[in-house]
Amino acid sequence: MHRCRPGGVPAPPYADVGVVGRGSGRRVLSDRQVGSGSAGVGGAALAGHCRCALSQASQVGVGRGSTVSRRSDLPRRPPPVSAPPAGPGARCPASAMEPGELRMLDALAYLMGFAGCAFFLLLQRLASPYGRYASEWPGPRIPARTAWVLQELPALAWPLLECACAAAPRLDRLPNRVLLAMFVVHYVHRALIFPFLIRGGKPTPLFTCVSAFLFCVYNGYLQSRYLSRYAVYTEDWVTQPRFLAGCALWLTGMVVNIHSDHILRNLRKPEETGYKIPRGGLFDYVTAANYLGEIVEWCGFALASWSLQGGAFALFTFTVLYPRAEQHHRWYLEKFEDYPKSRKVIIPFLY
């Protein structure tokens, strides 16, 4: 078996062709033709029952003035660079941000949804562990005002911490700032205003306070971390129908919630005790107007954010407050003979 003698000059980067020339005459041959020895000048070097093993530098000269190149010698086109994601709820590329934390935030959102479904089934059988049902739960108690402040503060502290952090890259965008502000406004009221408006209030079981505290740590981290570091919105997202409708629902729900709490606080005069039938506002249509307001509020937040994290929070809110609304409705029907029979549980005119 004869070996092909190396020679010639390095081949230019053209694909699978043999360029054979003598003097001024040149013609381009295919790789098959070069291997078969039909290339004219330089073909005799390949007639010895062998084909050039185009190895080493993948370039072998054949004859005088002839060159052969392989497709692997061609300059490779660099891979396309993907543009950064855009649009509502878009995610940053895994290489650009911390993919581990982003996956964890998604996992926490799914876990919250599953936990909400579990609580929904559990609360169908057990009384809610606070308020008028707290006496059914054993253990030490905490004054109502203190419990509300302590358990709600983590959900306010997390977003404020993110706002103070220089490494919150998404807070330079208006949609992210607005959405995080909606979350903060709710918890400013819930942690710093609502507790000091309570008149009396039954002591809260320590177990309930600790559970609520842990949830607010969990949810405060989930919502504020996602909005400040990972959620990507276009600048015109604040003009989109989903965002505008979500903000309108959020504001409506918060107003209903605050107004309903005001009605409940003023049912009794300072020297009176016991329970009365709430009237006015949405209480004329449903038993749990305050819960309806909070559910609508977080459904609006989920719509405006268009995110898995916001949707999980709205689902959890519904699955926890809906069973309590049913308990309230049954309790009023048993306690007051004159309770309006036309009043629904939580959805006006429907249920």
Protein backbone atom coordinates (compact mmCIF):
# COMPACT_ATOMS: atom_id res chain seq x y z
CA MET A 1 0.00 0.00 0.00
CA HIS A 2 1.52 3.29 -1.11
CA ARG A 3 1.42 6.37 1.03
CA CYS A 4 0.47 9.76 -0.38
CA ARG A 5 3.40 12.09 -0.14
CA PRO A 6 2.58 15.33 1.61
CA GLY A 7 3.37 18.42 -0.29
CA GLY A 8 2.02 21.65 -1.58
CA VAL A 9 0.78 24.48 0.51
CA PRO A 10 -1.96 24.68 3.14
CA ALA A 11 -5.40 24.51 1.62
CA PRO A 12 -7.70 27.51 1.70
CA PRO A 13 -10.93 27.11 3.68
CA TYR A 14 -13.27 25.93 0.92
CA ALA A 15 -15.47 22.89 1.29
CA ASP A 16 -14.60 19.43 -0.11
CA VAL A 17 -13.00 20.44 -3.37
CA GLY A 18 -9.69 19.69 -5.07
CA VAL A 19 -8.14 22.52 -7.01
CA VAL A 20 -5.84 21.18 -9.68
CA GLY A 21 -3.91 23.39 -12.00
CA ARG A 22 -0.96 23.42 -14.38
CA GLY A 23 0.34 26.71 -15.56
CA SER A 24 -2.62 28.96 -16.19
CA GLY A 25 -5.21 26.21 -16.55
CA ARG A 26 -7.26 25.47 -13.42
CA ARG A 27 -10.28 23.36 -12.74
CA VAL A 28 -12.15 22.43 -9.59
CA LEU A 29 -12.63 18.77 -8.86
CA SER A 30 -14.85 17.08 -6.36
CA ASP A 31 -13.42 15.08 -3.51
CA ARG A 32 -14.62 11.91 -5.22
CA GLN A 33 -12.77 12.77 -8.41
CA VAL A 34 -9.58 13.55 -6.57
CA GLY A 35 -9.73 10.21 -4.75
CA SER A 36 -10.34 8.21 -7.93
CA GLY A 37 -7.22 9.42 -9.67
CA SER A 38 -9.12 11.20 -12.49
CA ALA A 39 -7.79 14.57 -11.56
CA GLY A 40 -5.14 14.78 -14.27
CA VAL A 41 -2.07 16.42 -12.87
CA GLY A 42 -1.54 15.06 -9.38
CA GLY A 43 -3.93 12.13 -9.92
CA ALA A 44 -1.10 9.69 -10.48
CA ALA A 45 -0.05 10.16 -6.91
CA LEU A 46 -3.37 8.68 -5.83
CA ALA A 47 -3.46 5.70 -8.18
CA GLY A 48 -1.53 3.36 -5.91
CA HIS A 49 -4.68 1.74 -4.42
CA CYS A 50 -4.92 4.34 -1.71
CA ARG A 51 -6.93 7.39 -0.97
CA CYS A 52 -5.31 10.32 0.76
CA ALA A 53 -5.85 10.01 4.47
CA LEU A 54 -6.71 13.62 5.01
CA SER A 55 -5.50 13.73 8.56
CA GLN A 56 -3.06 15.64 10.71
CA ALA A 57 -3.93 19.19 9.74
CA SER A 58 -6.74 17.82 7.51
CA GLN A 59 -5.00 19.37 4.51
CA VAL A 60 -2.81 17.41 2.03
CA GLY A 61 -1.22 18.78 -1.18
CA VAL A 62 -1.63 16.55 -4.25
CA GLY A 63 0.86 17.02 -7.03
CA ARG A 64 2.32 20.33 -7.98
CA GLY A 65 0.12 23.30 -7.54
CA SER A 66 -2.83 21.21 -6.32
CA THR A 67 -4.55 21.37 -2.96
CA VAL A 68 -7.27 19.43 -1.18
CA SER A 69 -9.24 20.61 1.86
CA ARG A 70 -11.73 19.06 4.21
CA ARG A 71 -15.02 20.52 5.39
CA SER A 72 -13.72 20.47 8.96
CA ASP A 73 -11.19 23.15 7.97
CA LEU A 74 -13.89 25.70 7.23
CA PRO A 75 -14.18 28.57 9.67
CA ARG A 76 -17.13 27.91 11.95
CA ARG A 77 -19.90 30.46 12.34
CA PRO A 78 -20.29 31.50 15.99
CA PRO A 79 -23.54 30.36 17.63
CA PRO A 80 -26.31 32.93 17.62
CA VAL A 81 -26.63 35.00 20.74
CA SER A 82 -30.16 34.94 22.10
CA ALA A 83 -31.72 38.25 22.94
CA PRO A 84 -32.70 38.92 26.54
CA PRO A 85 -36.27 37.93 27.31
CA ALA A 86 -38.98 40.51 27.15
CA GLY A 87 -42.64 40.61 27.97
CA PRO A 88 -44.80 40.10 31.02
CA GLY A 89 -43.45 37.59 33.47
CA ALA A 90 -40.46 36.73 31.25
CA ARG A 91 -37.49 35.06 32.91
CA CYS A 92 -33.86 36.05 32.78
CA PRO A 93 -31.55 33.57 31.00
CA ALA A 94 -30.20 30.97 33.38
CA SER A 95 -26.65 32.05 32.66
CA ALA A 96 -27.39 35.72 33.34
CA MET A 97 -29.00 35.34 36.74
CA GLU A 98 -28.79 32.84 39.55
CA PRO A 99 -30.63 29.83 38.08
CA GLY A 100 -30.62 27.91 41.34
CA GLU A 101 -32.54 30.59 43.22
CA LEU A 102 -34.99 31.12 40.36
CA ARG A 103 -35.81 27.41 40.29
CA MET A 104 -36.19 27.51 44.06
CA LEU A 105 -38.66 30.42 43.82
CA ASP A 106 -40.74 28.45 41.34
CA ALA A 107 -40.64 25.41 43.60
CA LEU A 108 -41.72 27.53 46.59
CA ALA A 109 -44.64 28.88 44.57
CA TYR A 110 -45.80 25.36 43.68
CA LEU A 111 -45.38 24.30 47.30
CA MET A 112 -47.54 27.21 48.42
CA GLY A 113 -50.28 26.16 46.02
CA PHE A 114 -50.20 22.55 47.23
CA ALA A 115 -50.16 23.68 50.87
CA GLY A 116 -53.19 25.87 50.22
CA CYS A 117 -55.12 22.90 48.84
CA ALA A 118 -54.16 20.84 51.89
CA PHE A 119 -55.31 23.60 54.26
CA PHE A 120 -58.56 23.88 52.32
CA LEU A 121 -59.34 20.23 53.06
CA LEU A 122 -58.12 20.45 56.65
CA LEU A 123 -60.15 23.55 57.51
CA GLN A 124 -63.32 21.84 56.31
CA ARG A 125 -63.05 19.71 59.46
CA LEU A 126 -61.30 22.01 61.95
CA ALA A 127 -62.21 25.42 63.28
CA SER A 128 -59.90 28.29 62.34
CA PRO A 129 -57.36 28.76 65.15
CA TYR A 130 -58.02 32.46 65.85
CA GLY A 131 -60.79 34.96 66.50
CA ARG A 132 -64.11 33.65 67.80
CA TYR A 133 -62.90 30.05 67.38
CA ALA A 134 -59.63 30.48 69.29
CA SER A 135 -61.09 29.07 72.50
CA GLU A 136 -61.28 25.66 70.84
CA TRP A 137 -57.47 25.56 70.56
CA PRO A 138 -55.25 24.90 73.61
CA GLY A 139 -51.95 26.55 74.45
CA PRO A 140 -50.64 29.95 75.53
CA ARG A 141 -52.15 33.16 74.16
CA ILE A 142 -50.78 36.48 72.86
CA PRO A 143 -52.70 39.79 72.94
CA ALA A 144 -54.40 40.40 69.61
CA ARG A 145 -52.58 43.63 68.75
CA THR A 146 -49.16 42.20 69.55
CA ALA A 147 -49.89 39.06 67.56
CA TRP A 148 -50.97 41.00 64.46
CA VAL A 149 -47.88 43.22 64.48
CA LEU A 150 -45.42 40.38 65.04
CA GLN A 151 -46.89 37.99 62.51
CA GLU A 152 -47.30 40.51 59.67
CA LEU A 153 -44.00 42.39 59.97
CA PRO A 154 -41.83 39.90 58.01
CA ALA A 155 -43.93 40.42 54.87
CA LEU A 156 -43.21 44.14 55.16
CA ALA A 157 -39.53 43.80 56.07
CA TRP A 158 -38.56 41.61 53.09
CA PRO A 159 -39.53 44.03 50.28
CA LEU A 160 -38.08 47.00 52.17
CA LEU A 161 -34.82 45.09 52.48
CA GLU A 162 -34.82 44.38 48.75
CA CYS A 163 -35.46 48.05 47.99
CA ALA A 164 -32.46 49.02 50.12
CA CYS A 165 -30.24 46.44 48.43
CA ALA A 166 -28.09 47.72 45.57
CA ALA A 167 -28.15 44.26 43.92
CA ALA A 168 -31.87 44.38 43.03
CA PRO A 169 -31.52 44.76 39.23
CA ARG A 170 -35.21 44.67 38.32
CA LEU A 171 -36.31 47.56 40.51
CA ASP A 172 -35.08 50.01 37.90
CA ARG A 173 -38.19 49.12 35.86
CA LEU A 174 -41.51 50.83 36.53
CA PRO A 175 -43.73 47.68 36.44
CA ASN A 176 -41.59 45.94 39.06
CA ARG A 177 -41.63 48.98 41.33
CA VAL A 178 -45.40 49.37 41.06
CA LEU A 179 -46.07 45.69 41.79
CA LEU A 180 -43.75 45.63 44.77
CA ALA A 181 -45.33 48.86 46.04
CA MET A 182 -48.77 47.19 45.93
CA PHE A 183 -47.45 44.42 48.15
CA VAL A 184 -45.82 46.90 50.53
CA VAL A 185 -48.92 49.11 50.84
CA HIS A 186 -51.04 46.15 51.94
CA TYR A 187 -48.61 45.12 54.66
CA VAL A 188 -48.02 48.65 55.88
CA HIS A 189 -51.73 48.73 56.64
CA ARG A 190 -51.87 45.17 57.97
CA ALA A 191 -48.80 45.39 60.24
CA LEU A 192 -48.67 49.04 61.32
CA ILE A 193 -52.23 50.42 61.09
CA PHE A 194 -54.83 47.66 61.42
CA PRO A 195 -53.54 46.22 64.75
CA PHE A 196 -53.87 49.58 66.52
CA LEU A 197 -57.45 50.03 65.33
CA ILE A 198 -58.59 46.79 66.96
CA ARG A 199 -61.06 47.29 69.80
CA GLY A 200 -60.49 44.57 72.31
CA GLY A 201 -59.96 41.43 70.27
CA LYS A 202 -59.62 37.92 71.57
CA PRO A 203 -56.08 36.76 72.43
CA THR A 204 -54.42 34.77 69.66
CA PRO A 205 -53.01 31.28 70.32
CA LEU A 206 -49.21 31.25 70.21
CA PHE A 207 -49.34 28.44 67.65
CA THR A 208 -51.41 30.59 65.30
CA CYS A 209 -49.12 33.60 65.67
CA VAL A 210 -45.99 31.54 64.98
CA SER A 211 -47.60 29.88 61.96
CA ALA A 212 -48.65 33.23 60.50
CA PHE A 213 -45.17 34.66 61.18
CA LEU A 214 -43.51 31.80 59.27
CA PHE A 215 -45.91 32.20 56.37
CA CYS A 216 -45.18 35.92 56.11
CA VAL A 217 -41.43 35.20 56.12
CA TYR A 218 -42.00 32.64 53.36
CA ASN A 219 -44.32 34.75 51.22
CA GLY A 220 -42.46 38.00 51.80
CA TYR A 221 -39.27 36.41 50.50
CA LEU A 222 -41.08 34.76 47.57
CA GLN A 223 -42.84 37.86 46.24
CA SER A 224 -40.19 40.50 46.92
CA ARG A 225 -37.25 38.42 45.72
CA TYR A 226 -38.97 37.47 42.48
CA LEU A 227 -40.13 40.99 41.65
CA SER A 228 -36.84 42.65 42.55
CA ARG A 229 -34.44 40.23 40.86
CA TYR A 230 -36.06 37.95 38.31
CA ALA A 231 -39.35 39.23 36.86
CA VAL A 232 -38.83 40.96 33.50
CA TYR A 233 -41.51 43.27 32.12
CA THR A 234 -41.49 45.63 29.18
CA GLU A 235 -41.77 49.29 30.08
CA ASP A 236 -45.22 49.50 28.48
CA TRP A 237 -46.54 46.66 30.67
CA VAL A 238 -48.13 49.31 32.90
CA THR A 239 -50.43 50.22 29.99
CA GLN A 240 -51.49 46.66 29.15
CA PRO A 241 -55.09 45.53 29.89
CA ARG A 242 -54.01 42.75 32.26
CA PHE A 243 -51.96 45.12 34.38
CA LEU A 244 -54.63 47.82 34.46
CA ALA A 245 -57.43 45.34 35.26
CA GLY A 246 -55.28 43.73 37.96
CA CYS A 247 -54.50 47.06 39.59
CA ALA A 248 -58.20 48.00 39.54
CA LEU A 249 -59.10 44.70 41.21
CA TRP A 250 -56.33 45.11 43.76
CA LEU A 251 -57.47 48.60 44.71
CA THR A 252 -61.14 47.58 44.83
CA GLY A 253 -60.36 44.59 47.02
CA MET A 254 -58.25 46.62 49.43
CA VAL A 255 -60.96 49.29 49.78
CA VAL A 256 -63.61 46.62 50.41
CA ASN A 257 -61.37 44.91 52.97
CA ILE A 258 -60.60 48.12 54.91
CA HIS A 259 -64.22 49.31 54.81
CA SER A 260 -65.52 45.93 55.97
CA ASP A 261 -63.05 45.88 58.87
CA HIS A 262 -64.29 49.36 59.80
CA ILE A 263 -67.89 48.10 59.91
CA LEU A 264 -66.92 45.16 62.10
CA ARG A 265 -64.99 47.36 64.55
CA ASN A 266 -67.95 49.66 65.00
CA LEU A 267 -70.64 47.02 65.56
CA ARG A 268 -70.41 47.49 69.33
CA LYS A 269 -70.11 50.56 71.45
CA PRO A 270 -67.11 50.70 73.82
CA GLU A 271 -69.11 49.42 76.80
CA GLU A 272 -70.92 46.67 74.88
CA THR A 273 -69.90 43.02 74.58
CA GLY A 274 -71.04 40.09 72.48
CA TYR A 275 -71.63 39.75 68.75
CA LYS A 276 -73.99 41.55 66.39
CA ILE A 277 -75.04 41.07 62.80
CA PRO A 278 -72.86 43.23 60.54
CA ARG A 279 -74.79 45.46 58.14
CA GLY A 280 -73.81 47.92 55.45
CA GLY A 281 -71.41 47.77 52.53
CA LEU A 282 -71.00 44.31 51.03
CA PHE A 283 -72.21 42.78 54.30
CA ASP A 284 -75.71 43.30 52.91
CA TYR A 285 -74.86 40.68 50.28
CA VAL A 286 -72.32 38.32 51.84
CA THR A 287 -71.35 37.14 55.32
CA ALA A 288 -67.59 37.51 54.86
CA ALA A 289 -67.22 40.84 53.04
CA ASN A 290 -63.78 41.43 54.56
CA TYR A 291 -62.52 38.08 53.26
CA LEU A 292 -64.05 38.75 49.86
CA GLY A 293 -62.10 42.02 49.69
CA GLU A 294 -58.80 40.33 50.52
CA ILE A 295 -59.35 37.54 47.98
CA VAL A 296 -60.18 40.07 45.24
CA GLU A 297 -57.15 42.14 46.23
CA TRP A 298 -54.66 39.29 45.75
CA CYS A 299 -56.36 38.00 42.62
CA GLY A 300 -55.82 41.50 41.20
CA PHE A 301 -52.18 41.38 42.25
CA ALA A 302 -51.75 38.01 40.53
CA LEU A 303 -53.34 39.33 37.33
CA ALA A 304 -51.20 42.48 37.30
CA SER A 305 -47.98 40.55 37.94
CA TRP A 306 -48.93 37.66 35.64
CA SER A 307 -46.55 35.43 37.56
CA LEU A 308 -46.51 31.99 39.11
CA GLN A 309 -45.60 33.51 42.47
CA GLY A 310 -48.51 35.96 42.46
CA GLY A 311 -50.94 33.26 41.35
CA ALA A 312 -49.81 30.91 44.12
CA PHE A 313 -50.41 33.62 46.74
CA ALA A 314 -53.91 34.34 45.40
CA LEU A 315 -54.74 30.62 45.44
CA PHE A 316 -53.46 30.22 49.00
CA THR A 317 -55.49 33.23 50.16
CA PHE A 318 -58.66 31.76 48.70
CA THR A 319 -58.12 28.25 50.05
CA VAL A 320 -57.54 29.56 53.59
CA LEU A 321 -60.24 32.26 53.77
CA TYR A 322 -63.03 30.44 51.96
CA PRO A 323 -63.46 27.68 54.62
CA ARG A 324 -63.42 30.35 57.35
CA ALA A 325 -66.14 32.28 55.51
CA GLU A 326 -68.27 29.13 55.47
CA GLN A 327 -67.71 28.69 59.22
CA HIS A 328 -68.78 32.29 59.81
CA HIS A 329 -71.92 31.82 57.76
CA ARG A 330 -72.96 28.68 59.63
CA TRP A 331 -72.15 30.35 62.97
CA TYR A 332 -74.36 33.39 62.22
CA LEU A 333 -77.25 31.21 61.06
CA GLU A 334 -77.05 29.21 64.31
CA LYS A 335 -76.52 32.23 66.56
CA PHE A 336 -79.15 34.63 65.16
CA GLU A 337 -82.64 33.60 64.19
CA ASP A 338 -83.14 36.84 62.29
CA TYR A 339 -79.98 36.48 60.23
CA PRO A 340 -80.83 37.38 56.59
CA LYS A 341 -81.48 34.15 54.73
CA SER A 342 -80.77 35.79 51.38
CA ARG A 343 -77.22 36.70 52.37
CA LYS A 344 -74.61 34.57 50.61
CA VAL A 345 -71.35 33.25 52.04
CA ILE A 346 -68.68 35.11 50.06
CA ILE A 347 -69.79 35.63 46.43
CA PRO A 348 -72.65 38.14 46.05
CA PHE A 349 -75.84 36.66 44.55
CA LEU A 350 -74.13 33.32 43.85
CA TYR A 351 -72.73 31.60 46.92
